[in-house]
Each structure stands twice: as C-alpha cells, then as structure tokens.
Amino acid sequence: MRENPHEMSRVVRINEEALEVALKYGKNLSLGVMKMEEAIAKHEKAKRDYNAIEEMVRRAIREELEVLTSRY
C-alpha cells in the first residue's frame, strides 16, 4: 500500500482514541484504516473457510451415520 500524492484528501475530525487505534495499524490515519479493512477482509474469508470446513465435516458424519443406520 503506497500513498499516492495525487489522491484527494479531506480534513476530518476523529476521536483521539480512534486515531490512536488507527495509528497502531499504519503510520497515518489513512494507512491505518486501509490496514484495518484488509485485516477485516482476511478475518471474514477465514470465517467463511472455517464454516465451509465445518459443513463438510458435518455432511461426512451425517453420511456415515446414514450408512451405519441403514444396515439395521
């Protein structure tokens, strides 16, 4: 993520605590917000992946239980 000096900028008011949080993620507010957005996107993808894995495991167990119970 490189800053583009030709990008438009805007003066905004931000809570001091929120600014401190953003600066933990980047050297300025803009980079901090972009890094946070990237982290949220990664987290959401991981959550979707875990949900898909969980569903595959549940389906496999369900299918195996059906095979076992159909014998009786």
PDB file of N, CA and C in Angstrom:
ATOM      1  N   MET A   1       0.831  -1.176   0.000  1.00  0.00           N
ATOM      2  CA  MET A   1       0.000   0.000   0.000  1.00  0.00           C
ATOM      3  C   MET A   1       0.880   1.245   0.000  1.00  0.00           C
ATOM      4  N   ARG A   2       0.956   1.894  -1.114  1.00  0.00           N
ATOM      5  CA  ARG A   2       1.725   3.131  -1.197  1.00  0.00           C
ATOM      6  C   ARG A   2       0.771   4.309  -1.241  1.00  0.00           C
ATOM      7  N   GLU A   3       1.184   5.359  -0.632  1.00  0.00           N
ATOM      8  CA  GLU A   3       0.381   6.573  -0.687  1.00  0.00           C
ATOM      9  C   GLU A   3       0.576   7.220  -2.048  1.00  0.00           C
ATOM     10  N   ASN A   4      -0.501   7.636  -2.641  1.00  0.00           N
ATOM     11  CA  ASN A   4      -0.454   8.338  -3.913  1.00  0.00           C
ATOM     12  C   ASN A   4      -0.620   9.823  -3.618  1.00  0.00           C
ATOM     13  N   PRO A   5       0.400  10.632  -3.912  1.00  0.00           N
ATOM     14  CA  PRO A   5       0.296  12.063  -3.585  1.00  0.00           C
ATOM     15  C   PRO A   5      -0.783  12.770  -4.393  1.00  0.00           C
ATOM     16  N   HIS A   6      -1.265  12.153  -5.455  1.00  0.00           N
ATOM     17  CA  HIS A   6      -2.290  12.767  -6.293  1.00  0.00           C
ATOM     18  C   HIS A   6      -3.709  12.412  -5.851  1.00  0.00           C
ATOM     19  N   GLU A   7      -3.824  11.512  -4.865  1.00  0.00           N
ATOM     20  CA  GLU A   7      -5.151  11.168  -4.371  1.00  0.00           C
ATOM     21  C   GLU A   7      -5.745  12.355  -3.628  1.00  0.00           C
ATOM     22  N   MET A   8      -7.047  12.466  -3.694  1.00  0.00           N
ATOM     23  CA  MET A   8      -7.717  13.549  -2.973  1.00  0.00           C
ATOM     24  C   MET A   8      -7.625  13.287  -1.478  1.00  0.00           C
ATOM     25  N   SER A   9      -7.557  14.334  -0.734  1.00  0.00           N
ATOM     26  CA  SER A   9      -7.561  14.194   0.717  1.00  0.00           C
ATOM     27  C   SER A   9      -8.663  15.077   1.276  1.00  0.00           C
ATOM     28  N   ARG A  10      -9.013  14.795   2.517  1.00  0.00           N
ATOM     29  CA  ARG A  10     -10.094  15.525   3.157  1.00  0.00           C
ATOM     30  C   ARG A  10      -9.733  15.744   4.611  1.00  0.00           C
ATOM     31  N   VAL A  11     -10.081  16.867   5.118  1.00  0.00           N
ATOM     32  CA  VAL A  11      -9.883  17.152   6.534  1.00  0.00           C
ATOM     33  C   VAL A  11     -11.077  16.566   7.281  1.00  0.00           C
ATOM     34  N   VAL A  12     -10.796  15.761   8.306  1.00  0.00           N
ATOM     35  CA  VAL A  12     -11.871  15.137   9.073  1.00  0.00           C
ATOM     36  C   VAL A  12     -11.588  15.292  10.564  1.00  0.00           C
ATOM     37  N   ARG A  13     -12.638  15.244  11.342  1.00  0.00           N
ATOM     38  CA  ARG A  13     -12.482  15.203  12.793  1.00  0.00           C
ATOM     39  C   ARG A  13     -12.553  13.737  13.202  1.00  0.00           C
ATOM     40  N   ILE A  14     -11.675  13.346  14.111  1.00  0.00           N
ATOM     41  CA  ILE A  14     -11.670  11.961  14.577  1.00  0.00           C
ATOM     42  C   ILE A  14     -11.388  11.967  16.074  1.00  0.00           C
ATOM     43  N   ASN A  15     -12.055  11.121  16.766  1.00  0.00           N
ATOM     44  CA  ASN A  15     -11.859  10.941  18.191  1.00  0.00           C
ATOM     45  C   ASN A  15     -10.403  10.547  18.443  1.00  0.00           C
ATOM     46  N   GLU A  16      -9.790  11.100  19.486  1.00  0.00           N
ATOM     47  CA  GLU A  16      -8.385  10.812  19.792  1.00  0.00           C
ATOM     48  C   GLU A  16      -8.134   9.320  19.974  1.00  0.00           C
ATOM     49  N   GLU A  17      -9.045   8.652  20.674  1.00  0.00           N
ATOM     50  CA  GLU A  17      -8.864   7.215  20.903  1.00  0.00           C
ATOM     51  C   GLU A  17      -8.926   6.442  19.595  1.00  0.00           C
ATOM     52  N   ALA A  18      -9.831   6.840  18.699  1.00  0.00           N
ATOM     53  CA  ALA A  18      -9.934   6.175  17.399  1.00  0.00           C
ATOM     54  C   ALA A  18      -8.665   6.402  16.584  1.00  0.00           C
ATOM     55  N   LEU A  19      -8.121   7.587  16.660  1.00  0.00           N
ATOM     56  CA  LEU A  19      -6.869   7.879  15.952  1.00  0.00           C
ATOM     57  C   LEU A  19      -5.741   7.010  16.501  1.00  0.00           C
ATOM     58  N   GLU A  20      -5.672   6.874  17.810  1.00  0.00           N
ATOM     59  CA  GLU A  20      -4.640   6.015  18.419  1.00  0.00           C
ATOM     60  C   GLU A  20      -4.762   4.589  17.906  1.00  0.00           C
ATOM     61  N   VAL A  21      -5.986   4.092  17.811  1.00  0.00           N
ATOM     62  CA  VAL A  21      -6.200   2.736  17.296  1.00  0.00           C
ATOM     63  C   VAL A  21      -5.706   2.640  15.858  1.00  0.00           C
ATOM     64  N   ALA A  22      -6.104   3.592  15.011  1.00  0.00           N
ATOM     65  CA  ALA A  22      -5.702   3.574  13.604  1.00  0.00           C
ATOM     66  C   ALA A  22      -4.189   3.629  13.456  1.00  0.00           C
ATOM     67  N   LEU A  23      -3.525   4.406  14.297  1.00  0.00           N
ATOM     68  CA  LEU A  23      -2.073   4.546  14.196  1.00  0.00           C
ATOM     69  C   LEU A  23      -1.333   3.290  14.633  1.00  0.00           C
ATOM     70  N   LYS A  24      -2.009   2.380  15.306  1.00  0.00           N
ATOM     71  CA  LYS A  24      -1.403   1.085  15.626  1.00  0.00           C
ATOM     72  C   LYS A  24      -1.290   0.229  14.362  1.00  0.00           C
ATOM     73  N   TYR A  25      -2.092   0.544  13.349  1.00  0.00           N
ATOM     74  CA  TYR A  25      -2.127  -0.231  12.114  1.00  0.00           C
ATOM     75  C   TYR A  25      -1.349   0.409  10.974  1.00  0.00           C
ATOM     76  N   GLY A  26      -1.110   1.712  11.034  1.00  0.00           N
ATOM     77  CA  GLY A  26      -0.400   2.393   9.959  1.00  0.00           C
ATOM     78  C   GLY A  26       0.197   3.684  10.455  1.00  0.00           C
ATOM     79  N   LYS A  27       1.086   4.262   9.633  1.00  0.00           N
ATOM     80  CA  LYS A  27       1.796   5.465  10.078  1.00  0.00           C
ATOM     81  C   LYS A  27       0.934   6.714  10.056  1.00  0.00           C
ATOM     82  N   ASN A  28      -0.234   6.623   9.417  1.00  0.00           N
ATOM     83  CA  ASN A  28      -1.177   7.737   9.447  1.00  0.00           C
ATOM     84  C   ASN A  28      -2.596   7.186   9.426  1.00  0.00           C
ATOM     85  N   LEU A  29      -3.552   8.050   9.575  1.00  0.00           N
ATOM     86  CA  LEU A  29      -4.947   7.612   9.654  1.00  0.00           C
ATOM     87  C   LEU A  29      -5.368   6.821   8.416  1.00  0.00           C
ATOM     88  N   SER A  30      -5.031   7.319   7.242  1.00  0.00           N
ATOM     89  CA  SER A  30      -5.441   6.651   6.009  1.00  0.00           C
ATOM     90  C   SER A  30      -4.880   5.240   5.917  1.00  0.00           C
ATOM     91  N   LEU A  31      -3.578   5.100   6.152  1.00  0.00           N
ATOM     92  CA  LEU A  31      -2.966   3.776   6.071  1.00  0.00           C
ATOM     93  C   LEU A  31      -3.497   2.850   7.164  1.00  0.00           C
ATOM     94  N   GLY A  32      -3.747   3.412   8.341  1.00  0.00           N
ATOM     95  CA  GLY A  32      -4.302   2.609   9.426  1.00  0.00           C
ATOM     96  C   GLY A  32      -5.664   2.057   9.078  1.00  0.00           C
ATOM     97  N   VAL A  33      -6.516   2.897   8.512  1.00  0.00           N
ATOM     98  CA  VAL A  33      -7.864   2.455   8.131  1.00  0.00           C
ATOM     99  C   VAL A  33      -7.786   1.392   7.036  1.00  0.00           C
ATOM    100  N   MET A  34      -6.919   1.601   6.057  1.00  0.00           N
ATOM    101  CA  MET A  34      -6.779   0.626   4.971  1.00  0.00           C
ATOM    102  C   MET A  34      -6.282  -0.721   5.503  1.00  0.00           C
ATOM    103  N   LYS A  35      -5.346  -0.684   6.441  1.00  0.00           N
ATOM    104  CA  LYS A  35      -4.810  -1.917   7.025  1.00  0.00           C
ATOM    105  C   LYS A  35      -5.894  -2.633   7.843  1.00  0.00           C
ATOM    106  N   MET A  36      -6.706  -1.849   8.565  1.00  0.00           N
ATOM    107  CA  MET A  36      -7.800  -2.457   9.330  1.00  0.00           C
ATOM    108  C   MET A  36      -8.793  -3.134   8.386  1.00  0.00           C
ATOM    109  N   GLU A  37      -9.104  -2.472   7.266  1.00  0.00           N
ATOM    110  CA  GLU A  37     -10.042  -3.046   6.304  1.00  0.00           C
ATOM    111  C   GLU A  37      -9.484  -4.351   5.743  1.00  0.00           C
ATOM    112  N   GLU A  38      -8.197  -4.375   5.474  1.00  0.00           N
ATOM    113  CA  GLU A  38      -7.539  -5.587   4.976  1.00  0.00           C
ATOM    114  C   GLU A  38      -7.634  -6.709   6.015  1.00  0.00           C
ATOM    115  N   ALA A  39      -7.405  -6.378   7.276  1.00  0.00           N
ATOM    116  CA  ALA A  39      -7.467  -7.377   8.349  1.00  0.00           C
ATOM    117  C   ALA A  39      -8.883  -7.926   8.499  1.00  0.00           C
ATOM    118  N   ILE A  40      -9.877  -7.053   8.391  1.00  0.00           N
ATOM    119  CA  ILE A  40     -11.278  -7.495   8.486  1.00  0.00           C
ATOM    120  C   ILE A  40     -11.611  -8.428   7.333  1.00  0.00           C
ATOM    121  N   ALA A  41     -11.174  -8.093   6.123  1.00  0.00           N
ATOM    122  CA  ALA A  41     -11.441  -8.937   4.951  1.00  0.00           C
ATOM    123  C   ALA A  41     -10.808 -10.319   5.126  1.00  0.00           C
ATOM    124  N   LYS A  42      -9.562 -10.356   5.624  1.00  0.00           N
ATOM    125  CA  LYS A  42      -8.897 -11.647   5.862  1.00  0.00           C
ATOM    126  C   LYS A  42      -9.656 -12.462   6.899  1.00  0.00           C
ATOM    127  N   HIS A  43     -10.100 -11.797   7.958  1.00  0.00           N
ATOM    128  CA  HIS A  43     -10.843 -12.480   9.014  1.00  0.00           C
ATOM    129  C   HIS A  43     -12.151 -13.062   8.465  1.00  0.00           C
ATOM    130  N   GLU A  44     -12.861 -12.271   7.658  1.00  0.00           N
ATOM    131  CA  GLU A  44     -14.126 -12.741   7.097  1.00  0.00           C
ATOM    132  C   GLU A  44     -13.908 -13.920   6.159  1.00  0.00           C
ATOM    133  N   LYS A  45     -12.821 -13.905   5.382  1.00  0.00           N
ATOM    134  CA  LYS A  45     -12.525 -15.023   4.489  1.00  0.00           C
ATOM    135  C   LYS A  45     -12.212 -16.276   5.315  1.00  0.00           C
ATOM    136  N   ALA A  46     -11.408 -16.113   6.361  1.00  0.00           N
ATOM    137  CA  ALA A  46     -11.080 -17.251   7.219  1.00  0.00           C
ATOM    138  C   ALA A  46     -12.342 -17.815   7.852  1.00  0.00           C
ATOM    139  N   LYS A  47     -13.246 -16.942   8.275  1.00  0.00           N
ATOM    140  CA  LYS A  47     -14.501 -17.390   8.875  1.00  0.00           C
ATOM    141  C   LYS A  47     -15.317 -18.193   7.872  1.00  0.00           C
ATOM    142  N   ARG A  48     -15.384 -17.695   6.614  1.00  0.00           N
ATOM    143  CA  ARG A  48     -16.103 -18.441   5.573  1.00  0.00           C
ATOM    144  C   ARG A  48     -15.454 -19.793   5.330  1.00  0.00           C
ATOM    145  N   ASP A  49     -14.107 -19.821   5.308  1.00  0.00           N
ATOM    146  CA  ASP A  49     -13.389 -21.074   5.103  1.00  0.00           C
ATOM    147  C   ASP A  49     -13.688 -22.056   6.232  1.00  0.00           C
ATOM    148  N   TYR A  50     -13.662 -21.575   7.482  1.00  0.00           N
ATOM    149  CA  TYR A  50     -13.951 -22.451   8.616  1.00  0.00           C
ATOM    150  C   TYR A  50     -15.385 -22.961   8.554  1.00  0.00           C
ATOM    151  N   ASN A  51     -16.309 -22.093   8.167  1.00  0.00           N
ATOM    152  CA  ASN A  51     -17.703 -22.521   8.041  1.00  0.00           C
ATOM    153  C   ASN A  51     -17.851 -23.592   6.971  1.00  0.00           C
ATOM    154  N   ALA A  52     -17.135 -23.443   5.860  1.00  0.00           N
ATOM    155  CA  ALA A  52     -17.192 -24.444   4.789  1.00  0.00           C
ATOM    156  C   ALA A  52     -16.611 -25.766   5.261  1.00  0.00           C
ATOM    157  N   ILE A  53     -15.496 -25.721   5.987  1.00  0.00           N
ATOM    158  CA  ILE A  53     -14.881 -26.943   6.517  1.00  0.00           C
ATOM    159  C   ILE A  53     -15.828 -27.614   7.507  1.00  0.00           C
ATOM    160  N   GLU A  54     -16.433 -26.813   8.383  1.00  0.00           N
ATOM    161  CA  GLU A  54     -17.373 -27.370   9.360  1.00  0.00           C
ATOM    162  C   GLU A  54     -18.535 -28.063   8.646  1.00  0.00           C
ATOM    163  N   GLU A  55     -19.049 -27.436   7.609  1.00  0.00           N
ATOM    164  CA  GLU A  55     -20.167 -28.036   6.871  1.00  0.00           C
ATOM    165  C   GLU A  55     -19.734 -29.329   6.191  1.00  0.00           C
ATOM    166  N   MET A  56     -18.534 -29.387   5.643  1.00  0.00           N
ATOM    167  CA  MET A  56     -18.042 -30.622   5.016  1.00  0.00           C
ATOM    168  C   MET A  56     -17.930 -31.741   6.046  1.00  0.00           C
ATOM    169  N   VAL A  57     -17.406 -31.419   7.232  1.00  0.00           N
ATOM    170  CA  VAL A  57     -17.262 -32.424   8.293  1.00  0.00           C
ATOM    171  C   VAL A  57     -18.638 -32.914   8.735  1.00  0.00           C
ATOM    172  N   ARG A  58     -19.574 -31.981   8.939  1.00  0.00           N
ATOM    173  CA  ARG A  58     -20.925 -32.370   9.347  1.00  0.00           C
ATOM    174  C   ARG A  58     -21.585 -33.263   8.294  1.00  0.00           C
ATOM    175  N   ARG A  59     -21.407 -32.907   7.013  1.00  0.00           N
ATOM    176  CA  ARG A  59     -22.001 -33.701   5.933  1.00  0.00           C
ATOM    177  C   ARG A  59     -21.408 -35.105   5.906  1.00  0.00           C
ATOM    178  N   ALA A  60     -20.083 -35.206   6.068  1.00  0.00           N
ATOM    179  CA  ALA A  60     -19.423 -36.511   6.061  1.00  0.00           C
ATOM    180  C   ALA A  60     -19.912 -37.370   7.228  1.00  0.00           C
ATOM    181  N   ILE A  61     -20.024 -36.778   8.402  1.00  0.00           N
ATOM    182  CA  ILE A  61     -20.518 -37.523   9.565  1.00  0.00           C
ATOM    183  C   ILE A  61     -21.957 -37.975   9.341  1.00  0.00           C
ATOM    184  N   ARG A  62     -22.782 -37.053   8.822  1.00  0.00           N
ATOM    185  CA  ARG A  62     -24.183 -37.383   8.554  1.00  0.00           C
ATOM    186  C   ARG A  62     -24.284 -38.548   7.568  1.00  0.00           C
ATOM    187  N   GLU A  63     -23.471 -38.508   6.505  1.00  0.00           N
ATOM    188  CA  GLU A  63     -23.493 -39.573   5.510  1.00  0.00           C
ATOM    189  C   GLU A  63     -23.045 -40.901   6.114  1.00  0.00           C
ATOM    190  N   GLU A  64     -22.006 -40.868   6.942  1.00  0.00           N
ATOM    191  CA  GLU A  64     -21.530 -42.098   7.584  1.00  0.00           C
ATOM    192  C   GLU A  64     -22.577 -42.654   8.546  1.00  0.00           C
ATOM    193  N   LEU A  65     -23.247 -41.789   9.288  1.00  0.00           N
ATOM    194  CA  LEU A  65     -24.296 -42.251  10.191  1.00  0.00           C
ATOM    195  C   LEU A  65     -25.452 -42.875   9.406  1.00  0.00           C
ATOM    196  N   GLU A  66     -25.786 -42.292   8.273  1.00  0.00           N
ATOM    197  CA  GLU A  66     -26.851 -42.855   7.435  1.00  0.00           C
ATOM    198  C   GLU A  66     -26.461 -44.239   6.931  1.00  0.00           C
ATOM    199  N   VAL A  67     -25.201 -44.410   6.534  1.00  0.00           N
ATOM    200  CA  VAL A  67     -24.731 -45.721   6.069  1.00  0.00           C
ATOM    201  C   VAL A  67     -24.810 -46.735   7.211  1.00  0.00           C
ATOM    202  N   LEU A  68     -24.353 -46.350   8.387  1.00  0.00           N
ATOM    203  CA  LEU A  68     -24.358 -47.261   9.539  1.00  0.00           C
ATOM    204  C   LEU A  68     -25.781 -47.624   9.957  1.00  0.00           C
ATOM    205  N   THR A  69     -26.688 -46.663   9.973  1.00  0.00           N
ATOM    206  CA  THR A  69     -28.047 -46.948  10.435  1.00  0.00           C
ATOM    207  C   THR A  69     -28.880 -47.643   9.373  1.00  0.00           C
ATOM    208  N   SER A  70     -28.509 -47.519   8.112  1.00  0.00           N
ATOM    209  CA  SER A  70     -29.302 -48.177   7.068  1.00  0.00           C
ATOM    210  C   SER A  70     -29.082 -49.681   7.063  1.00  0.00           C
ATOM    211  N   ARG A  71     -28.046 -50.149   7.710  1.00  0.00           N
ATOM    212  CA  ARG A  71     -27.746 -51.585   7.761  1.00  0.00           C
ATOM    213  C   ARG A  71     -28.658 -52.323   8.736  1.00  0.00           C
ATOM    214  N   TYR A  72     -29.316 -51.571   9.612  1.00  0.00           N
ATOM    215  CA  TYR A  72     -30.096 -52.229  10.677  1.00  0.00           C
ATOM    216  C   TYR A  72     -31.568 -52.097  10.440  1.00  0.00           C
TER     217      TYR A  72
END
